[in-house]
C-alpha atoms as a PDB file:
ATOM      1  CA  MET A   1      23.689  93.802 -28.614  1.00  0.00           C
ATOM      2  CA  ASN A   2      21.738  90.952 -30.196  1.00  0.00           C
ATOM      3  CA  GLU A   3      22.689  87.431 -29.155  1.00  0.00           C
ATOM      4  CA  LYS A   4      23.374  86.593 -32.832  1.00  0.00           C
ATOM      5  CA  GLU A   5      26.123  89.187 -32.919  1.00  0.00           C
ATOM      6  CA  ARG A   6      28.104  87.472 -30.213  1.00  0.00           C
ATOM      7  CA  THR A   7      31.325  85.673 -31.084  1.00  0.00           C
ATOM      8  CA  ARG A   8      32.460  82.374 -29.596  1.00  0.00           C
ATOM      9  CA  VAL A   9      35.960  82.675 -28.095  1.00  0.00           C
ATOM     10  CA  TYR A  10      37.960  79.757 -26.737  1.00  0.00           C
ATOM     11  CA  ALA A  11      39.161  81.353 -23.520  1.00  0.00           C
ATOM     12  CA  TRP A  12      39.894  78.575 -21.023  1.00  0.00           C
ATOM     13  CA  GLU A  13      42.201  75.863 -22.302  1.00  0.00           C
ATOM     14  CA  PHE A  14      41.942  72.317 -20.973  1.00  0.00           C
ATOM     15  CA  PRO A  15      44.794  72.597 -18.403  1.00  0.00           C
ATOM     16  CA  VAL A  16      43.114  75.701 -16.930  1.00  0.00           C
ATOM     17  CA  ARG A  17      39.749  73.949 -16.635  1.00  0.00           C
ATOM     18  CA  LEU A  18      41.318  70.744 -15.315  1.00  0.00           C
ATOM     19  CA  THR A  19      43.322  72.473 -12.577  1.00  0.00           C
ATOM     20  CA  HIS A  20      40.296  74.613 -11.682  1.00  0.00           C
ATOM     21  CA  TRP A  21      38.170  71.560 -10.901  1.00  0.00           C
ATOM     22  CA  ILE A  22      41.011  69.666  -9.232  1.00  0.00           C
ATOM     23  CA  ASN A  23      41.554  72.686  -6.983  1.00  0.00           C
ATOM     24  CA  ALA A  24      37.827  72.873  -6.249  1.00  0.00           C
ATOM     25  CA  LEU A  25      37.646  69.207  -5.227  1.00  0.00           C
ATOM     26  CA  CYS A  26      40.845  69.500  -3.209  1.00  0.00           C
ATOM     27  CA  ILE A  27      39.522  72.533  -1.311  1.00  0.00           C
ATOM     28  CA  VAL A  28      36.385  70.625  -0.299  1.00  0.00           C
ATOM     29  CA  SER A  29      38.312  67.506   0.704  1.00  0.00           C
ATOM     30  CA  LEU A  30      41.095  69.350   2.538  1.00  0.00           C
ATOM     31  CA  SER A  31      38.640  71.606   4.387  1.00  0.00           C
ATOM     32  CA  ILE A  32      36.511  68.714   5.678  1.00  0.00           C
ATOM     33  CA  THR A  33      39.419  66.470   6.634  1.00  0.00           C
ATOM     34  CA  GLY A  34      41.500  69.375   7.975  1.00  0.00           C
ATOM     35  CA  PHE A  35      38.647  70.576  10.167  1.00  0.00           C
ATOM     36  CA  TYR A  36      38.223  67.050  11.493  1.00  0.00           C
ATOM     37  CA  ILE A  37      41.936  66.660  12.225  1.00  0.00           C
ATOM     38  CA  GLY A  38      41.901  69.925  14.182  1.00  0.00           C
ATOM     39  CA  ASN A  39      38.561  69.304  15.895  1.00  0.00           C
ATOM     40  CA  PRO A  40      37.357  65.672  15.632  1.00  0.00           C
ATOM     41  CA  PHE A  41      33.562  65.466  15.410  1.00  0.00           C
ATOM     42  CA  MET A  42      33.337  61.670  15.077  1.00  0.00           C
ATOM     43  CA  TYR A  43      34.858  59.179  17.475  1.00  0.00           C
ATOM     44  CA  ALA A  44      35.899  55.552  17.111  1.00  0.00           C
ATOM     45  CA  VAL A  45      33.953  53.147  19.301  1.00  0.00           C
ATOM     46  CA  SER A  46      36.151  50.130  18.658  1.00  0.00           C
ATOM     47  CA  SER A  47      39.802  49.388  18.013  1.00  0.00           C
ATOM     48  CA  LYS A  48      38.945  48.270  14.467  1.00  0.00           C
ATOM     49  CA  GLU A  49      37.839  51.730  13.403  1.00  0.00           C
ATOM     50  CA  TYR A  50      40.413  54.006  11.820  1.00  0.00           C
ATOM     51  CA  ILE A  51      38.605  57.323  11.443  1.00  0.00           C
ATOM     52  CA  MET A  52      41.479  59.696  12.233  1.00  0.00           C
ATOM     53  CA  GLY A  53      43.885  57.575  10.210  1.00  0.00           C
ATOM     54  CA  TRP A  54      41.647  57.708   7.133  1.00  0.00           C
ATOM     55  CA  MET A  55      41.060  61.448   7.548  1.00  0.00           C
ATOM     56  CA  ARG A  56      44.790  62.087   7.711  1.00  0.00           C
ATOM     57  CA  PHE A  57      45.435  59.774   4.752  1.00  0.00           C
ATOM     58  CA  ILE A  58      42.817  61.529   2.592  1.00  0.00           C
ATOM     59  CA  HIS A  59      44.159  64.912   3.713  1.00  0.00           C
ATOM     60  CA  PHE A  60      47.731  64.032   2.736  1.00  0.00           C
ATOM     61  CA  VAL A  61      46.826  62.474  -0.631  1.00  0.00           C
ATOM     62  CA  THR A  62      44.623  65.455  -1.506  1.00  0.00           C
ATOM     63  CA  ALA A  63      47.427  67.814  -0.493  1.00  0.00           C
ATOM     64  CA  TYR A  64      49.760  66.117  -2.988  1.00  0.00           C
ATOM     65  CA  ALA A  65      47.066  66.438  -5.676  1.00  0.00           C
ATOM     66  CA  LEU A  66      46.673  70.151  -4.931  1.00  0.00           C
ATOM     67  CA  MET A  67      50.423  70.681  -5.060  1.00  0.00           C
ATOM     68  CA  MET A  68      50.677  69.014  -8.484  1.00  0.00           C
ATOM     69  CA  SER A  69      47.676  71.007  -9.748  1.00  0.00           C
ATOM     70  CA  ILE A  70      49.271  74.285  -8.644  1.00  0.00           C
ATOM     71  CA  ILE A  71      52.552  73.328 -10.338  1.00  0.00           C
ATOM     72  CA  VAL A  72      50.708  72.576 -13.603  1.00  0.00           C
ATOM     73  CA  ARG A  73      48.751  75.844 -13.404  1.00  0.00           C
ATOM     74  CA  ILE A  74      51.896  77.891 -12.769  1.00  0.00           C
ATOM     75  CA  TYR A  75      53.564  76.209 -15.743  1.00  0.00           C
ATOM     76  CA  TRP A  76      50.518  76.961 -17.888  1.00  0.00           C
ATOM     77  CA  ALA A  77      50.688  80.611 -16.839  1.00  0.00           C
ATOM     78  CA  PHE A  78      53.789  80.736 -19.066  1.00  0.00           C
ATOM     79  CA  ALA A  79      52.863  78.130 -21.691  1.00  0.00           C
ATOM     80  CA  GLY A  80      49.160  78.841 -22.158  1.00  0.00           C
ATOM     81  CA  ASN A  81      47.202  81.409 -24.117  1.00  0.00           C
ATOM     82  CA  ARG A  82      46.818  85.096 -23.236  1.00  0.00           C
ATOM     83  CA  TYR A  83      43.877  84.413 -20.912  1.00  0.00           C
ATOM     84  CA  ALA A  84      45.913  81.974 -18.826  1.00  0.00           C
ATOM     85  CA  SER A  85      49.037  84.151 -18.746  1.00  0.00           C
ATOM     86  CA  TRP A  86      50.646  85.280 -15.500  1.00  0.00           C
ATOM     87  CA  ARG A  87      50.355  88.843 -16.816  1.00  0.00           C
ATOM     88  CA  VAL A  88      46.636  88.916 -16.016  1.00  0.00           C
ATOM     89  CA  TRP A  89      47.424  88.257 -12.349  1.00  0.00           C
ATOM     90  CA  LEU A  90      49.382  91.473 -11.866  1.00  0.00           C
ATOM     91  CA  PRO A  91      48.323  95.065 -12.676  1.00  0.00           C
ATOM     92  CA  LEU A  92      51.215  96.058 -14.925  1.00  0.00           C
ATOM     93  CA  THR A  93      49.537  98.830 -16.913  1.00  0.00           C
ATOM     94  CA  GLY A  94      47.549 101.966 -16.228  1.00  0.00           C
ATOM     95  CA  ARG A  95      44.601 100.452 -18.070  1.00  0.00           C
ATOM     96  CA  GLN A  96      44.552  97.522 -15.647  1.00  0.00           C
ATOM     97  CA  TRP A  97      44.510  99.876 -12.652  1.00  0.00           C
ATOM     98  CA  LYS A  98      41.611 101.766 -14.222  1.00  0.00           C
ATOM     99  CA  GLU A  99      39.817  98.467 -14.755  1.00  0.00           C
ATOM    100  CA  ILE A 100      40.326  97.591 -11.084  1.00  0.00           C
ATOM    101  CA  GLY A 101      38.606 100.825 -10.068  1.00  0.00           C
ATOM    102  CA  GLU A 102      35.689 100.137 -12.424  1.00  0.00           C
ATOM    103  CA  SER A 103      35.350  96.594 -11.076  1.00  0.00           C
ATOM    104  CA  LEU A 104      35.283  97.796  -7.463  1.00  0.00           C
ATOM    105  CA  LYS A 105      32.562 100.326  -8.308  1.00  0.00           C
ATOM    106  CA  PHE A 106      30.462  97.526  -9.783  1.00  0.00           C
ATOM    107  CA  TYR A 107      31.014  95.106  -6.899  1.00  0.00           C
ATOM    108  CA  PHE A 108      30.164  97.797  -4.334  1.00  0.00           C
ATOM    109  CA  PHE A 109      26.995  98.710  -6.280  1.00  0.00           C
ATOM    110  CA  MET A 110      28.326 102.142  -7.235  1.00  0.00           C
ATOM    111  CA  SER A 111      28.018 101.341 -10.934  1.00  0.00           C
ATOM    112  CA  LYS A 112      25.618  99.201 -12.972  1.00  0.00           C
ATOM    113  CA  LYS A 113      28.180  98.480 -15.673  1.00  0.00           C
ATOM    114  CA  PRO A 114      29.820  95.068 -15.161  1.00  0.00           C
ATOM    115  CA  PRO A 115      33.549  94.716 -15.920  1.00  0.00           C
ATOM    116  CA  SER A 116      34.104  93.424 -19.456  1.00  0.00           C
ATOM    117  CA  ALA A 117      36.863  90.957 -20.256  1.00  0.00           C
ATOM    118  CA  VAL A 118      37.223  87.787 -22.277  1.00  0.00           C
ATOM    119  CA  GLY A 119      39.422  86.266 -19.593  1.00  0.00           C
ATOM    120  CA  HIS A 120      39.942  87.565 -16.072  1.00  0.00           C
ATOM    121  CA  THR A 121      39.529  91.234 -15.256  1.00  0.00           C
ATOM    122  CA  ALA A 122      42.487  92.985 -13.634  1.00  0.00           C
ATOM    123  CA  PHE A 123      40.723  92.880 -10.266  1.00  0.00           C
ATOM    124  CA  ALA A 124      40.022  89.157 -10.589  1.00  0.00           C
ATOM    125  CA  GLY A 125      43.667  88.634 -11.524  1.00  0.00           C
ATOM    126  CA  ILE A 126      44.865  90.231  -8.284  1.00  0.00           C
ATOM    127  CA  VAL A 127      42.403  88.174  -6.249  1.00  0.00           C
ATOM    128  CA  TYR A 128      43.524  84.932  -7.921  1.00  0.00           C
ATOM    129  CA  PHE A 129      47.166  85.858  -7.399  1.00  0.00           C
ATOM    130  CA  PHE A 130      46.449  86.263  -3.668  1.00  0.00           C
ATOM    131  CA  ILE A 131      44.492  83.000  -3.530  1.00  0.00           C
ATOM    132  CA  PHE A 132      47.263  81.101  -5.312  1.00  0.00           C
ATOM    133  CA  GLY A 133      49.636  82.571  -2.735  1.00  0.00           C
ATOM    134  CA  LEU A 134      47.394  81.150  -0.013  1.00  0.00           C
ATOM    135  CA  PHE A 135      47.390  77.770  -1.757  1.00  0.00           C
ATOM    136  CA  ILE A 136      51.179  77.779  -1.792  1.00  0.00           C
ATOM    137  CA  PHE A 137      51.291  78.792   1.884  1.00  0.00           C
ATOM    138  CA  GLN A 138      48.886  75.970   2.755  1.00  0.00           C
ATOM    139  CA  ILE A 139      51.087  73.479   0.918  1.00  0.00           C
ATOM    140  CA  VAL A 140      54.298  74.736   2.531  1.00  0.00           C
ATOM    141  CA  SER A 141      52.803  75.022   6.026  1.00  0.00           C
ATOM    142  CA  GLY A 142      51.204  71.594   5.645  1.00  0.00           C
ATOM    143  CA  PHE A 143      54.549  70.040   4.783  1.00  0.00           C
ATOM    144  CA  ALA A 144      56.087  71.961   7.690  1.00  0.00           C
ATOM    145  CA  LEU A 145      53.661  70.242  10.065  1.00  0.00           C
ATOM    146  CA  TYR A 146      54.228  66.925   8.271  1.00  0.00           C
ATOM    147  CA  SER A 147      58.026  67.274   8.542  1.00  0.00           C
ATOM    148  CA  VAL A 148      57.891  67.004  12.336  1.00  0.00           C
ATOM    149  CA  ASN A 149      57.527  63.225  11.982  1.00  0.00           C
ATOM    150  CA  HIS A 150      59.426  62.886   8.693  1.00  0.00           C
ATOM    151  CA  GLN A 151      63.080  63.803   8.723  1.00  0.00           C
ATOM    152  CA  GLY A 152      65.124  64.338   5.592  1.00  0.00           C
ATOM    153  CA  ALA A 153      66.225  66.926   3.052  1.00  0.00           C
ATOM    154  CA  LEU A 154      63.068  66.506   0.938  1.00  0.00           C
ATOM    155  CA  TRP A 155      60.707  67.404   3.778  1.00  0.00           C
ATOM    156  CA  THR A 156      62.944  70.286   4.810  1.00  0.00           C
ATOM    157  CA  VAL A 157      62.824  71.748   1.298  1.00  0.00           C
ATOM    158  CA  LEU A 158      59.072  71.215   0.904  1.00  0.00           C
ATOM    159  CA  GLY A 159      58.186  72.959   4.148  1.00  0.00           C
ATOM    160  CA  GLY A 160      60.310  71.935   7.101  1.00  0.00           C
ATOM    161  CA  TRP A 161      62.335  75.149   6.789  1.00  0.00           C
ATOM    162  CA  LEU A 162      59.275  77.072   7.943  1.00  0.00           C
ATOM    163  CA  THR A 163      59.619  75.620  11.449  1.00  0.00           C
ATOM    164  CA  GLY A 164      62.858  77.589  11.755  1.00  0.00           C
ATOM    165  CA  ILE A 165      60.925  80.831  11.171  1.00  0.00           C
ATOM    166  CA  MET A 166      57.666  80.215  13.062  1.00  0.00           C
ATOM    167  CA  HIS A 167      56.662  78.251  16.113  1.00  0.00           C
ATOM    168  CA  LEU A 168      54.846  75.034  15.268  1.00  0.00           C
ATOM    169  CA  GLN A 169      51.607  76.201  16.896  1.00  0.00           C
ATOM    170  CA  THR A 170      51.766  79.469  14.945  1.00  0.00           C
ATOM    171  CA  ILE A 171      52.098  77.529  11.694  1.00  0.00           C
ATOM    172  CA  ARG A 172      49.150  75.340  12.694  1.00  0.00           C
ATOM    173  CA  LEU A 173      47.062  78.427  13.545  1.00  0.00           C
ATOM    174  CA  TYR A 174      47.810  80.180  10.232  1.00  0.00           C
ATOM    175  CA  HIS A 175      47.220  76.940   8.334  1.00  0.00           C
ATOM    176  CA  HIS A 176      43.799  76.691   9.980  1.00  0.00           C
ATOM    177  CA  LEU A 177      42.872  80.361   9.496  1.00  0.00           C
ATOM    178  CA  ALA A 178      43.862  80.293   5.815  1.00  0.00           C
ATOM    179  CA  MET A 179      41.300  77.535   5.333  1.00  0.00           C
ATOM    180  CA  TYR A 180      38.535  79.930   6.387  1.00  0.00           C
ATOM    181  CA  VAL A 181      39.829  82.666   4.079  1.00  0.00           C
ATOM    182  CA  ILE A 182      39.781  80.221   1.163  1.00  0.00           C
ATOM    183  CA  ALA A 183      36.258  79.088   2.125  1.00  0.00           C
ATOM    184  CA  VAL A 184      35.027  82.702   2.044  1.00  0.00           C
ATOM    185  CA  PHE A 185      36.689  83.166  -1.356  1.00  0.00           C
ATOM    186  CA  VAL A 186      34.936  80.071  -2.723  1.00  0.00           C
ATOM    187  CA  LEU A 187      31.507  81.368  -1.668  1.00  0.00           C
ATOM    188  CA  ALA A 188      32.226  84.823  -3.128  1.00  0.00           C
ATOM    189  CA  HIS A 189      33.661  83.260  -6.303  1.00  0.00           C
ATOM    190  CA  ILE A 190      30.519  81.186  -6.924  1.00  0.00           C
ATOM    191  CA  TYR A 191      28.206  84.127  -6.273  1.00  0.00           C
ATOM    192  CA  ILE A 192      30.148  86.598  -8.443  1.00  0.00           C
ATOM    193  CA  ALA A 193      30.459  84.111 -11.331  1.00  0.00           C
ATOM    194  CA  TRP A 194      26.712  83.453 -11.231  1.00  0.00           C
ATOM    195  CA  TYR A 195      25.886  87.168 -10.935  1.00  0.00           C
ATOM    196  CA  LEU A 196      28.192  88.218 -13.779  1.00  0.00           C
ATOM    197  CA  ASP A 197      26.804  85.448 -15.985  1.00  0.00           C
ATOM    198  CA  LEU A 198      23.308  86.859 -15.469  1.00  0.00           C
ATOM    199  CA  LYS A 199      24.447  90.412 -16.158  1.00  0.00           C
ATOM    200  CA  GLU A 200      26.710  89.796 -19.166  1.00  0.00           C
ATOM    201  CA  ARG A 201      24.995  86.773 -20.750  1.00  0.00           C
ATOM    202  CA  ASN A 202      28.348  85.548 -22.042  1.00  0.00           C
ATOM    203  CA  GLY A 203      28.304  81.946 -20.824  1.00  0.00           C
ATOM    204  CA  LEU A 204      30.734  82.640 -17.998  1.00  0.00           C
ATOM    205  CA  VAL A 205      29.653  79.727 -15.789  1.00  0.00           C
ATOM    206  CA  GLY A 206      29.466  77.294 -18.688  1.00  0.00           C
ATOM    207  CA  SER A 207      32.884  78.374 -19.942  1.00  0.00           C
ATOM    208  CA  ILE A 208      34.668  76.601 -17.109  1.00  0.00           C
ATOM    209  CA  PHE A 209      33.222  73.357 -18.506  1.00  0.00           C
ATOM    210  CA  SER A 210      33.526  73.993 -22.256  1.00  0.00           C
ATOM    211  CA  GLY A 211      36.240  76.654 -22.374  1.00  0.00           C
ATOM    212  CA  ASP A 212      34.129  78.880 -24.638  1.00  0.00           C
ATOM    213  CA  LYS A 213      32.766  82.345 -23.891  1.00  0.00           C
ATOM    214  CA  PHE A 214      30.439  84.435 -26.061  1.00  0.00           C
ATOM    215  CA  VAL A 215      31.540  88.026 -26.441  1.00  0.00           C
ATOM    216  CA  THR A 216      30.175  91.095 -28.203  1.00  0.00           C
ATOM    217  CA  GLY A 217      33.408  92.895 -28.953  1.00  0.00           C
ATOM    218  CA  LYS A 218      33.170  95.395 -26.102  1.00  0.00           C
ATOM    219  CA  GLU A 219      35.691  93.237 -24.225  1.00  0.00           C
ATOM    220  CA  TRP A 220      38.432  94.491 -26.581  1.00  0.00           C
ATOM    221  CA  GLU A 221      37.380  98.151 -26.611  1.00  0.00           C
END
């Protein structure tokens, strides 16, 4: 369809875009500092240097920022528009399951037709639901590790209770492994967004900055 026949749709509201970029920055910061905490690759050469202390401080502050961002995004899943709704995260209808199958065919190069949606496709919704679950696990497991040196009801509620279910080293291992899963998701997310933008020509990449997508009408068919 001709570019002139496309319609501008305000898909991503400001809270969605804001939390998206906060999450992105937090993932980078937490991954670098977390990897260093687990496997230091720089060493202090004098007593005045505070490398590990700064890495831990940045890691903790960023963790709080991620937690607040996730809380805001979950709230907006109920308060936001239809494209931000929690309903797009779960396949609740037969049409969504059909859309998942069509998306998988496209991603595995079995079909040349890209999935069409103004917001997230049903497949993307499931993936984001899983990733948000990983974010929550990282927050809880992080507070579980943090609670070892911080006693009190608050730390127990935030994550300390997890130490009663798993051994501390098991929590640390899963916390570390989840970081790699999230890193793989980030790489795939960037590639797929770029690829779909080229295929659909709907301003997908730019929409996470402006909030606007350009659709032809097939997204509602």
